[in-house]
PDB file of N, CA and C in Angstrom:
ATOM      1  N   MET A   1       0.827  -1.187   0.000  1.00  0.00           N
ATOM      2  CA  MET A   1       0.000   0.000   0.000  1.00  0.00           C
ATOM      3  C   MET A   1       0.871   1.251   0.000  1.00  0.00           C
ATOM      4  N   LEU A   2       1.982   1.184   0.736  1.00  0.00           N
ATOM      5  CA  LEU A   2       2.865   2.351   0.781  1.00  0.00           C
ATOM      6  C   LEU A   2       3.378   2.692  -0.613  1.00  0.00           C
ATOM      7  N   GLU A   3       3.751   1.673  -1.372  1.00  0.00           N
ATOM      8  CA  GLU A   3       4.294   1.926  -2.701  1.00  0.00           C
ATOM      9  C   GLU A   3       3.252   2.562  -3.612  1.00  0.00           C
ATOM     10  N   SER A   4       2.018   2.131  -3.536  1.00  0.00           N
ATOM     11  CA  SER A   4       0.946   2.721  -4.341  1.00  0.00           C
ATOM     12  C   SER A   4       0.703   4.173  -3.951  1.00  0.00           C
ATOM     13  N   ALA A   5       0.651   4.433  -2.652  1.00  0.00           N
ATOM     14  CA  ALA A   5       0.435   5.798  -2.184  1.00  0.00           C
ATOM     15  C   ALA A   5       1.605   6.699  -2.565  1.00  0.00           C
ATOM     16  N   GLN A   6       2.809   6.179  -2.450  1.00  0.00           N
ATOM     17  CA  GLN A   6       3.993   6.966  -2.795  1.00  0.00           C
ATOM     18  C   GLN A   6       4.014   7.261  -4.294  1.00  0.00           C
ATOM     19  N   ALA A   7       3.635   6.293  -5.106  1.00  0.00           N
ATOM     20  CA  ALA A   7       3.597   6.496  -6.561  1.00  0.00           C
ATOM     21  C   ALA A   7       2.579   7.573  -6.922  1.00  0.00           C
ATOM     22  N   ALA A   8       1.430   7.556  -6.276  1.00  0.00           N
ATOM     23  CA  ALA A   8       0.408   8.579  -6.547  1.00  0.00           C
ATOM     24  C   ALA A   8       0.911   9.966  -6.170  1.00  0.00           C
ATOM     25  N   ALA A   9       1.547  10.078  -5.025  1.00  0.00           N
ATOM     26  CA  ALA A   9       2.099  11.370  -4.603  1.00  0.00           C
ATOM     27  C   ALA A   9       3.212  11.817  -5.544  1.00  0.00           C
ATOM     28  N   CYS A  10       4.043  10.879  -5.945  1.00  0.00           N
ATOM     29  CA  CYS A  10       5.158  11.178  -6.852  1.00  0.00           C
ATOM     30  C   CYS A  10       4.637  11.686  -8.192  1.00  0.00           C
ATOM     31  N   ASN A  11       3.611  11.014  -8.725  1.00  0.00           N
ATOM     32  CA  ASN A  11       3.052  11.424 -10.008  1.00  0.00           C
ATOM     33  C   ASN A  11       2.484  12.840  -9.960  1.00  0.00           C
ATOM     34  N   ALA A  12       2.014  13.252  -8.806  1.00  0.00           N
ATOM     35  CA  ALA A  12       1.443  14.587  -8.669  1.00  0.00           C
ATOM     36  C   ALA A  12       2.499  15.673  -8.459  1.00  0.00           C
ATOM     37  N   ARG A  13       3.650  15.313  -7.930  1.00  0.00           N
ATOM     38  CA  ARG A  13       4.605  16.331  -7.497  1.00  0.00           C
ATOM     39  C   ARG A  13       5.884  16.438  -8.312  1.00  0.00           C
ATOM     40  N   HIS A  14       6.313  15.374  -8.970  1.00  0.00           N
ATOM     41  CA  HIS A  14       7.634  15.387  -9.599  1.00  0.00           C
ATOM     42  C   HIS A  14       7.560  15.380 -11.115  1.00  0.00           C
ATOM     43  N   ASN A  15       8.649  15.850 -11.738  1.00  0.00           N
ATOM     44  CA  ASN A  15       8.661  15.911 -13.198  1.00  0.00           C
ATOM     45  C   ASN A  15       8.897  14.528 -13.800  1.00  0.00           C
ATOM     46  N   LEU A  16       8.634  14.417 -15.085  1.00  0.00           N
ATOM     47  CA  LEU A  16       8.656  13.116 -15.741  1.00  0.00           C
ATOM     48  C   LEU A  16      10.029  12.436 -15.746  1.00  0.00           C
ATOM     49  N   PRO A  17      11.132  13.133 -16.029  1.00  0.00           N
ATOM     50  CA  PRO A  17      12.425  12.435 -15.964  1.00  0.00           C
ATOM     51  C   PRO A  17      12.713  11.844 -14.580  1.00  0.00           C
ATOM     52  N   GLU A  18      12.344  12.550 -13.512  1.00  0.00           N
ATOM     53  CA  GLU A  18      12.536  12.017 -12.160  1.00  0.00           C
ATOM     54  C   GLU A  18      11.677  10.772 -11.947  1.00  0.00           C
ATOM     55  N   ARG A  19      10.443  10.826 -12.396  1.00  0.00           N
ATOM     56  CA  ARG A  19       9.531   9.687 -12.241  1.00  0.00           C
ATOM     57  C   ARG A  19       9.979   8.500 -13.078  1.00  0.00           C
ATOM     58  N   LEU A  20      10.475   8.762 -14.291  1.00  0.00           N
ATOM     59  CA  LEU A  20      10.983   7.681 -15.128  1.00  0.00           C
ATOM     60  C   LEU A  20      12.199   7.037 -14.469  1.00  0.00           C
ATOM     61  N   ALA A  21      13.108   7.854 -13.942  1.00  0.00           N
ATOM     62  CA  ALA A  21      14.290   7.321 -13.256  1.00  0.00           C
ATOM     63  C   ALA A  21      13.869   6.453 -12.079  1.00  0.00           C
ATOM     64  N   ARG A  22      12.895   6.907 -11.307  1.00  0.00           N
ATOM     65  CA  ARG A  22      12.392   6.121 -10.159  1.00  0.00           C
ATOM     66  C   ARG A  22      11.830   4.795 -10.636  1.00  0.00           C
ATOM     67  N   SER A  23      11.024   4.829 -11.672  1.00  0.00           N
ATOM     68  CA  SER A  23      10.404   3.602 -12.183  1.00  0.00           C
ATOM     69  C   SER A  23      11.442   2.620 -12.711  1.00  0.00           C
ATOM     70  N   LEU A  24      12.427   3.122 -13.420  1.00  0.00           N
ATOM     71  CA  LEU A  24      13.476   2.247 -13.945  1.00  0.00           C
ATOM     72  C   LEU A  24      14.253   1.588 -12.809  1.00  0.00           C
ATOM     73  N   LEU A  25      14.540   2.343 -11.763  1.00  0.00           N
ATOM     74  CA  LEU A  25      15.263   1.775 -10.631  1.00  0.00           C
ATOM     75  C   LEU A  25      14.430   0.723  -9.892  1.00  0.00           C
ATOM     76  N   ILE A  26      13.141   0.976  -9.748  1.00  0.00           N
ATOM     77  CA  ILE A  26      12.272   0.002  -9.085  1.00  0.00           C
ATOM     78  C   ILE A  26      12.210  -1.283  -9.895  1.00  0.00           C
ATOM     79  N   VAL A  27      12.051  -1.162 -11.217  1.00  0.00           N
ATOM     80  CA  VAL A  27      12.025  -2.354 -12.067  1.00  0.00           C
ATOM     81  C   VAL A  27      13.369  -3.071 -11.986  1.00  0.00           C
ATOM     82  N   ARG A  28      14.455  -2.310 -12.026  1.00  0.00           N
ATOM     83  CA  ARG A  28      15.802  -2.892 -11.957  1.00  0.00           C
ATOM     84  C   ARG A  28      15.991  -3.677 -10.662  1.00  0.00           C
ATOM     85  N   ASP A  29      15.499  -3.139  -9.560  1.00  0.00           N
ATOM     86  CA  ASP A  29      15.609  -3.839  -8.274  1.00  0.00           C
ATOM     87  C   ASP A  29      14.822  -5.150  -8.276  1.00  0.00           C
ATOM     88  N   ARG A  30      13.692  -5.166  -8.971  1.00  0.00           N
ATOM     89  CA  ARG A  30      12.846  -6.367  -8.988  1.00  0.00           C
ATOM     90  C   ARG A  30      13.435  -7.464  -9.868  1.00  0.00           C
ATOM     91  N   VAL A  31      14.026  -7.099 -11.002  1.00  0.00           N
ATOM     92  CA  VAL A  31      14.520  -8.120 -11.938  1.00  0.00           C
ATOM     93  C   VAL A  31      16.013  -8.379 -11.780  1.00  0.00           C
ATOM     94  N   ASP A  32      16.705  -7.542 -11.025  1.00  0.00           N
ATOM     95  CA  ASP A  32      18.126  -7.702 -10.711  1.00  0.00           C
ATOM     96  C   ASP A  32      19.019  -7.781 -11.959  1.00  0.00           C
ATOM     97  N   THR A  33      18.733  -6.930 -12.919  1.00  0.00           N
ATOM     98  CA  THR A  33      19.583  -6.799 -14.099  1.00  0.00           C
ATOM     99  C   THR A  33      19.495  -5.363 -14.601  1.00  0.00           C
ATOM    100  N   ASP A  34      20.561  -4.908 -15.241  1.00  0.00           N
ATOM    101  CA  ASP A  34      20.583  -3.540 -15.752  1.00  0.00           C
ATOM    102  C   ASP A  34      19.953  -3.411 -17.133  1.00  0.00           C
ATOM    103  N   THR A  35      19.660  -4.526 -17.782  1.00  0.00           N
ATOM    104  CA  THR A  35      19.015  -4.493 -19.094  1.00  0.00           C
ATOM    105  C   THR A  35      17.544  -4.817 -18.915  1.00  0.00           C
ATOM    106  N   LEU A  36      16.707  -3.838 -19.200  1.00  0.00           N
ATOM    107  CA  LEU A  36      15.274  -3.961 -18.934  1.00  0.00           C
ATOM    108  C   LEU A  36      14.500  -4.037 -20.243  1.00  0.00           C
ATOM    109  N   PRO A  37      13.698  -5.085 -20.444  1.00  0.00           N
ATOM    110  CA  PRO A  37      12.916  -5.204 -21.669  1.00  0.00           C
ATOM    111  C   PRO A  37      11.641  -4.364 -21.580  1.00  0.00           C
ATOM    112  N   LEU A  38      11.791  -3.062 -21.747  1.00  0.00           N
ATOM    113  CA  LEU A  38      10.674  -2.134 -21.600  1.00  0.00           C
ATOM    114  C   LEU A  38      10.545  -1.261 -22.847  1.00  0.00           C
ATOM    115  N   THR A  39       9.324  -1.115 -23.312  1.00  0.00           N
ATOM    116  CA  THR A  39       9.060  -0.206 -24.432  1.00  0.00           C
ATOM    117  C   THR A  39       8.582   1.138 -23.889  1.00  0.00           C
ATOM    118  N   HIS A  40       8.696   2.156 -24.712  1.00  0.00           N
ATOM    119  CA  HIS A  40       8.180   3.472 -24.322  1.00  0.00           C
ATOM    120  C   HIS A  40       6.663   3.410 -24.135  1.00  0.00           C
ATOM    121  N   GLU A  41       6.012   2.594 -24.940  1.00  0.00           N
ATOM    122  CA  GLU A  41       4.555   2.435 -24.819  1.00  0.00           C
ATOM    123  C   GLU A  41       4.189   1.881 -23.442  1.00  0.00           C
ATOM    124  N   PHE A  42       4.879   0.820 -23.012  1.00  0.00           N
ATOM    125  CA  PHE A  42       4.600   0.237 -21.703  1.00  0.00           C
ATOM    126  C   PHE A  42       4.900   1.250 -20.590  1.00  0.00           C
ATOM    127  N   LEU A  43       6.024   1.939 -20.692  1.00  0.00           N
ATOM    128  CA  LEU A  43       6.374   2.933 -19.678  1.00  0.00           C
ATOM    129  C   LEU A  43       5.353   4.068 -19.631  1.00  0.00           C
ATOM    130  N   SER A  44       4.823   4.449 -20.785  1.00  0.00           N
ATOM    131  CA  SER A  44       3.819   5.521 -20.799  1.00  0.00           C
ATOM    132  C   SER A  44       2.557   5.086 -20.058  1.00  0.00           C
ATOM    133  N   ILE A  45       2.174   3.827 -20.217  1.00  0.00           N
ATOM    134  CA  ILE A  45       1.015   3.301 -19.486  1.00  0.00           C
ATOM    135  C   ILE A  45       1.327   3.248 -17.992  1.00  0.00           C
ATOM    136  N   MET A  46       2.502   2.776 -17.657  1.00  0.00           N
ATOM    137  CA  MET A  46       2.915   2.649 -16.261  1.00  0.00           C
ATOM    138  C   MET A  46       2.962   4.013 -15.561  1.00  0.00           C
ATOM    139  N   LEU A  47       3.407   5.044 -16.290  1.00  0.00           N
ATOM    140  CA  LEU A  47       3.549   6.372 -15.701  1.00  0.00           C
ATOM    141  C   LEU A  47       2.321   7.260 -15.921  1.00  0.00           C
ATOM    142  N   GLY A  48       1.400   6.813 -16.760  1.00  0.00           N
ATOM    143  CA  GLY A  48       0.185   7.588 -17.001  1.00  0.00           C
ATOM    144  C   GLY A  48       0.417   8.842 -17.822  1.00  0.00           C
ATOM    145  N   VAL A  49       1.326   8.752 -18.796  1.00  0.00           N
ATOM    146  CA  VAL A  49       1.633   9.905 -19.656  1.00  0.00           C
ATOM    147  C   VAL A  49       1.633   9.448 -21.118  1.00  0.00           C
ATOM    148  N   ARG A  50       1.731  10.409 -22.022  1.00  0.00           N
ATOM    149  CA  ARG A  50       1.827  10.076 -23.439  1.00  0.00           C
ATOM    150  C   ARG A  50       3.186   9.461 -23.749  1.00  0.00           C
ATOM    151  N   ARG A  51       3.212   8.604 -24.761  1.00  0.00           N
ATOM    152  CA  ARG A  51       4.464   7.949 -25.154  1.00  0.00           C
ATOM    153  C   ARG A  51       5.526   8.963 -25.545  1.00  0.00           C
ATOM    154  N   ALA A  52       5.107  10.048 -26.182  1.00  0.00           N
ATOM    155  CA  ALA A  52       6.064  11.086 -26.576  1.00  0.00           C
ATOM    156  C   ALA A  52       6.761  11.691 -25.361  1.00  0.00           C
ATOM    157  N   GLY A  53       6.046  11.798 -24.243  1.00  0.00           N
ATOM    158  CA  GLY A  53       6.653  12.308 -23.016  1.00  0.00           C
ATOM    159  C   GLY A  53       7.726  11.370 -22.485  1.00  0.00           C
ATOM    160  N   VAL A  54       7.466  10.076 -22.560  1.00  0.00           N
ATOM    161  CA  VAL A  54       8.460   9.086 -22.130  1.00  0.00           C
ATOM    162  C   VAL A  54       9.694   9.175 -23.022  1.00  0.00           C
ATOM    163  N   THR A  55       9.465   9.348 -24.323  1.00  0.00           N
ATOM    164  CA  THR A  55      10.588   9.460 -25.259  1.00  0.00           C
ATOM    165  C   THR A  55      11.473  10.638 -24.895  1.00  0.00           C
ATOM    166  N   LEU A  56      10.881  11.784 -24.609  1.00  0.00           N
ATOM    167  CA  LEU A  56      11.670  12.973 -24.233  1.00  0.00           C
ATOM    168  C   LEU A  56      12.392  12.771 -22.901  1.00  0.00           C
ATOM    169  N   ALA A  57      11.713  12.191 -21.928  1.00  0.00           N
ATOM    170  CA  ALA A  57      12.332  11.953 -20.622  1.00  0.00           C
ATOM    171  C   ALA A  57      13.489  10.959 -20.752  1.00  0.00           C
ATOM    172  N   ALA A  58      13.299   9.911 -21.549  1.00  0.00           N
ATOM    173  CA  ALA A  58      14.362   8.923 -21.754  1.00  0.00           C
ATOM    174  C   ALA A  58      15.544   9.549 -22.486  1.00  0.00           C
ATOM    175  N   GLN A  59      15.271  10.430 -23.428  1.00  0.00           N
ATOM    176  CA  GLN A  59      16.358  11.125 -24.128  1.00  0.00           C
ATOM    177  C   GLN A  59      17.156  11.988 -23.163  1.00  0.00           C
ATOM    178  N   THR A  60      16.475  12.610 -22.204  1.00  0.00           N
ATOM    179  CA  THR A  60      17.152  13.415 -21.185  1.00  0.00           C
ATOM    180  C   THR A  60      18.077  12.542 -20.346  1.00  0.00           C
ATOM    181  N   LEU A  61      17.592  11.389 -19.917  1.00  0.00           N
ATOM    182  CA  LEU A  61      18.416  10.481 -19.112  1.00  0.00           C
ATOM    183  C   LEU A  61      19.569   9.905 -19.932  1.00  0.00           C
ATOM    184  N   GLN A  62      19.306   9.635 -21.204  1.00  0.00           N
ATOM    185  CA  GLN A  62      20.368   9.109 -22.068  1.00  0.00           C
ATOM    186  C   GLN A  62      21.435  10.164 -22.324  1.00  0.00           C
ATOM    187  N   ALA A  63      21.022  11.403 -22.527  1.00  0.00           N
ATOM    188  CA  ALA A  63      21.984  12.489 -22.753  1.00  0.00           C
ATOM    189  C   ALA A  63      22.893  12.683 -21.541  1.00  0.00           C
ATOM    190  N   GLY A  64      22.378  12.361 -20.363  1.00  0.00           N
ATOM    191  CA  GLY A  64      23.167  12.450 -19.141  1.00  0.00           C
ATOM    192  C   GLY A  64      24.061  11.239 -18.920  1.00  0.00           C
ATOM    193  N   GLY A  65      24.026  10.278 -19.846  1.00  0.00           N
ATOM    194  CA  GLY A  65      24.864   9.088 -19.725  1.00  0.00           C
ATOM    195  C   GLY A  65      24.364   8.086 -18.701  1.00  0.00           C
ATOM    196  N   LEU A  66      23.086   8.197 -18.319  1.00  0.00           N
ATOM    197  CA  LEU A  66      22.541   7.333 -17.276  1.00  0.00           C
ATOM    198  C   LEU A  66      21.957   6.045 -17.831  1.00  0.00           C
ATOM    199  N   ILE A  67      21.373   6.133 -19.024  1.00  0.00           N
ATOM    200  CA  ILE A  67      20.771   4.960 -19.653  1.00  0.00           C
ATOM    201  C   ILE A  67      21.152   4.924 -21.126  1.00  0.00           C
ATOM    202  N   ARG A  68      20.937   3.764 -21.738  1.00  0.00           N
ATOM    203  CA  ARG A  68      21.046   3.627 -23.196  1.00  0.00           C
ATOM    204  C   ARG A  68      19.756   2.948 -23.630  1.00  0.00           C
ATOM    205  N   GLN A  69      19.141   3.476 -24.660  1.00  0.00           N
ATOM    206  CA  GLN A  69      17.896   2.888 -25.132  1.00  0.00           C
ATOM    207  C   GLN A  69      18.059   2.345 -26.533  1.00  0.00           C
ATOM    208  N   SER A  70      17.402   1.249 -26.757  1.00  0.00           N
ATOM    209  CA  SER A  70      17.280   0.678 -28.089  1.00  0.00           C
ATOM    210  C   SER A  70      15.864   0.137 -28.184  1.00  0.00           C
ATOM    211  N   ARG A  71      15.484  -0.342 -29.313  1.00  0.00           N
ATOM    212  CA  ARG A  71      14.099  -0.774 -29.522  1.00  0.00           C
ATOM    213  C   ARG A  71      13.684  -1.846 -28.503  1.00  0.00           C
ATOM    214  N   GLY A  72      12.727  -1.476 -27.633  1.00  0.00           N
ATOM    215  CA  GLY A  72      12.194  -2.416 -26.662  1.00  0.00           C
ATOM    216  C   GLY A  72      13.114  -2.761 -25.511  1.00  0.00           C
ATOM    217  N   ARG A  73      14.152  -1.966 -25.322  1.00  0.00           N
ATOM    218  CA  ARG A  73      15.125  -2.281 -24.275  1.00  0.00           C
ATOM    219  C   ARG A  73      15.744  -0.985 -23.739  1.00  0.00           C
ATOM    220  N   ILE A  74      15.894  -0.940 -22.428  1.00  0.00           N
ATOM    221  CA  ILE A  74      16.597   0.167 -21.780  1.00  0.00           C
ATOM    222  C   ILE A  74      17.676  -0.450 -20.902  1.00  0.00           C
ATOM    223  N   THR A  75      18.894   0.037 -21.059  1.00  0.00           N
ATOM    224  CA  THR A  75      20.012  -0.448 -20.262  1.00  0.00           C
ATOM    225  C   THR A  75      20.458   0.661 -19.319  1.00  0.00           C
ATOM    226  N   ILE A  76      20.540   0.347 -18.044  1.00  0.00           N
ATOM    227  CA  ILE A  76      21.020   1.315 -17.055  1.00  0.00           C
ATOM    228  C   ILE A  76      22.538   1.285 -17.086  1.00  0.00           C
ATOM    229  N   LEU A  77      23.133   2.423 -17.405  1.00  0.00           N
ATOM    230  CA  LEU A  77      24.585   2.542 -17.495  1.00  0.00           C
ATOM    231  C   LEU A  77      25.204   3.033 -16.193  1.00  0.00           C
ATOM    232  N   ASP A  78      24.493   3.896 -15.483  1.00  0.00           N
ATOM    233  CA  ASP A  78      25.007   4.508 -14.259  1.00  0.00           C
ATOM    234  C   ASP A  78      23.904   4.485 -13.205  1.00  0.00           C
ATOM    235  N   ARG A  79      23.881   3.406 -12.411  1.00  0.00           N
ATOM    236  CA  ARG A  79      22.827   3.257 -11.419  1.00  0.00           C
ATOM    237  C   ARG A  79      22.859   4.362 -10.371  1.00  0.00           C
ATOM    238  N   ASP A  80      24.043   4.698  -9.893  1.00  0.00           N
ATOM    239  CA  ASP A  80      24.155   5.756  -8.891  1.00  0.00           C
ATOM    240  C   ASP A  80      23.724   7.104  -9.453  1.00  0.00           C
ATOM    241  N   GLY A  81      24.093   7.372 -10.693  1.00  0.00           N
ATOM    242  CA  GLY A  81      23.670   8.610 -11.340  1.00  0.00           C
ATOM    243  C   GLY A  81      22.169   8.650 -11.538  1.00  0.00           C
ATOM    244  N   LEU A  82      21.583   7.516 -11.894  1.00  0.00           N
ATOM    245  CA  LEU A  82      20.132   7.450 -12.063  1.00  0.00           C
ATOM    246  C   LEU A  82      19.436   7.662 -10.723  1.00  0.00           C
ATOM    247  N   ALA A  83      19.999   7.106  -9.657  1.00  0.00           N
ATOM    248  CA  ALA A  83      19.432   7.310  -8.316  1.00  0.00           C
ATOM    249  C   ALA A  83      19.510   8.784  -7.927  1.00  0.00           C
ATOM    250  N   ALA A  84      20.578   9.454  -8.313  1.00  0.00           N
ATOM    251  CA  ALA A  84      20.705  10.883  -8.017  1.00  0.00           C
ATOM    252  C   ALA A  84      19.727  11.711  -8.847  1.00  0.00           C
ATOM    253  N   ALA A  85      19.381  11.224 -10.040  1.00  0.00           N
ATOM    254  CA  ALA A  85      18.485  11.957 -10.931  1.00  0.00           C
ATOM    255  C   ALA A  85      17.021  11.781 -10.559  1.00  0.00           C
ATOM    256  N   CYS A  86      16.715  10.758  -9.766  1.00  0.00           N
ATOM    257  CA  CYS A  86      15.306  10.540  -9.436  1.00  0.00           C
ATOM    258  C   CYS A  86      14.950  11.280  -8.149  1.00  0.00           C
ATOM    259  N   CYS A  87      13.660  11.299  -7.881  1.00  0.00           N
ATOM    260  CA  CYS A  87      13.172  11.980  -6.684  1.00  0.00           C
ATOM    261  C   CYS A  87      13.400  11.102  -5.445  1.00  0.00           C
ATOM    262  N   ASP A  88      13.115  11.655  -4.290  1.00  0.00           N
ATOM    263  CA  ASP A  88      13.297  10.927  -3.030  1.00  0.00           C
ATOM    264  C   ASP A  88      12.322   9.767  -2.862  1.00  0.00           C
ATOM    265  N   CYS A  89      11.309   9.715  -3.694  1.00  0.00           N
ATOM    266  CA  CYS A  89      10.297   8.657  -3.588  1.00  0.00           C
ATOM    267  C   CYS A  89      10.918   7.274  -3.747  1.00  0.00           C
ATOM    268  N   TYR A  90      11.918   7.149  -4.597  1.00  0.00           N
ATOM    269  CA  TYR A  90      12.558   5.847  -4.795  1.00  0.00           C
ATOM    270  C   TYR A  90      13.162   5.342  -3.485  1.00  0.00           C
ATOM    271  N   GLN A  91      13.863   6.200  -2.788  1.00  0.00           N
ATOM    272  CA  GLN A  91      14.511   5.784  -1.541  1.00  0.00           C
ATOM    273  C   GLN A  91      13.474   5.400  -0.494  1.00  0.00           C
ATOM    274  N   ILE A  92      12.368   6.114  -0.439  1.00  0.00           N
ATOM    275  CA  ILE A  92      11.300   5.795   0.523  1.00  0.00           C
ATOM    276  C   ILE A  92      10.737   4.406   0.246  1.00  0.00           C
ATOM    277  N   VAL A  93      10.445   4.124  -1.029  1.00  0.00           N
ATOM    278  CA  VAL A  93       9.898   2.825  -1.407  1.00  0.00           C
ATOM    279  C   VAL A  93      10.922   1.722  -1.154  1.00  0.00           C
ATOM    280  N   ARG A  94      12.169   1.986  -1.501  1.00  0.00           N
ATOM    281  CA  ARG A  94      13.218   0.974  -1.332  1.00  0.00           C
ATOM    282  C   ARG A  94      13.424   0.638   0.145  1.00  0.00           C
ATOM    283  N   GLU A  95      13.495   1.643   0.986  1.00  0.00           N
ATOM    284  CA  GLU A  95      13.694   1.398   2.417  1.00  0.00           C
ATOM    285  C   GLU A  95      12.517   0.632   3.009  1.00  0.00           C
ATOM    286  N   SER A  96      11.308   0.968   2.593  1.00  0.00           N
ATOM    287  CA  SER A  96      10.124   0.269   3.092  1.00  0.00           C
ATOM    288  C   SER A  96      10.153  -1.196   2.667  1.00  0.00           C
ATOM    289  N   ARG A  97      10.472  -1.443   1.405  1.00  0.00           N
ATOM    290  CA  ARG A  97      10.535  -2.822   0.899  1.00  0.00           C
ATOM    291  C   ARG A  97      11.645  -3.606   1.616  1.00  0.00           C
ATOM    292  N   ASP A  98      12.789  -2.978   1.797  1.00  0.00           N
ATOM    293  CA  ASP A  98      13.891  -3.644   2.500  1.00  0.00           C
ATOM    294  C   ASP A  98      13.494  -4.016   3.924  1.00  0.00           C
ATOM    295  N   GLN A  99      12.769  -3.119   4.578  1.00  0.00           N
ATOM    296  CA  GLN A  99      12.333  -3.380   5.947  1.00  0.00           C
ATOM    297  C   GLN A  99      11.352  -4.546   5.988  1.00  0.00           C
ATOM    298  N   ILE A 100      10.420  -4.584   5.046  1.00  0.00           N
ATOM    299  CA  ILE A 100       9.419  -5.655   5.003  1.00  0.00           C
ATOM    300  C   ILE A 100      10.097  -7.012   4.776  1.00  0.00           C
ATOM    301  N   PHE A 101      11.074  -7.038   3.877  1.00  0.00           N
ATOM    302  CA  PHE A 101      11.728  -8.299   3.541  1.00  0.00           C
ATOM    303  C   PHE A 101      12.997  -8.571   4.351  1.00  0.00           C
ATOM    304  N   GLY A 102      13.317  -7.698   5.299  1.00  0.00           N
ATOM    305  CA  GLY A 102      14.467  -7.913   6.167  1.00  0.00           C
ATOM    306  C   GLY A 102      15.801  -7.815   5.457  1.00  0.00           C
ATOM    307  N   ILE A 103      15.881  -6.949   4.445  1.00  0.00           N
ATOM    308  CA  ILE A 103      17.114  -6.770   3.674  1.00  0.00           C
ATOM    309  C   ILE A 103      17.926  -5.647   4.323  1.00  0.00           C
ATOM    310  N   ARG A 104      19.204  -5.931   4.559  1.00  0.00           N
ATOM    311  CA  ARG A 104      20.106  -4.900   5.124  1.00  0.00           C
ATOM    312  C   ARG A 104      21.091  -4.487   4.047  1.00  0.00           C
ATOM    313  N   ARG A 105      21.253  -3.205   3.877  1.00  0.00           N
ATOM    314  CA  ARG A 105      22.180  -2.683   2.854  1.00  0.00           C
ATOM    315  C   ARG A 105      23.298  -1.928   3.527  1.00  0.00           C
TER     316      ARG A 105
END
């Protein structure tokens, strides 16, 4: 429930590149790989925005050297940089999940 509430608050308060960075990091944590099989269309549905907005946000992250995109795939190049580019919502969700599952970092 915390993650859903945090996502709703994040969507209302933060800009799209920050939200995209948060979403990519959350997916990366779940699948434990830096290569994510995600399309801009799927991300637009996940973030509740137009696909063109995802394209612009992804281009911003790619220009910063944080990700590399190709057709149907996004590769995280700089995880720490991506974490710095996202909003604080990612850390809140991550800490809550770690606490629930007893993960110590």
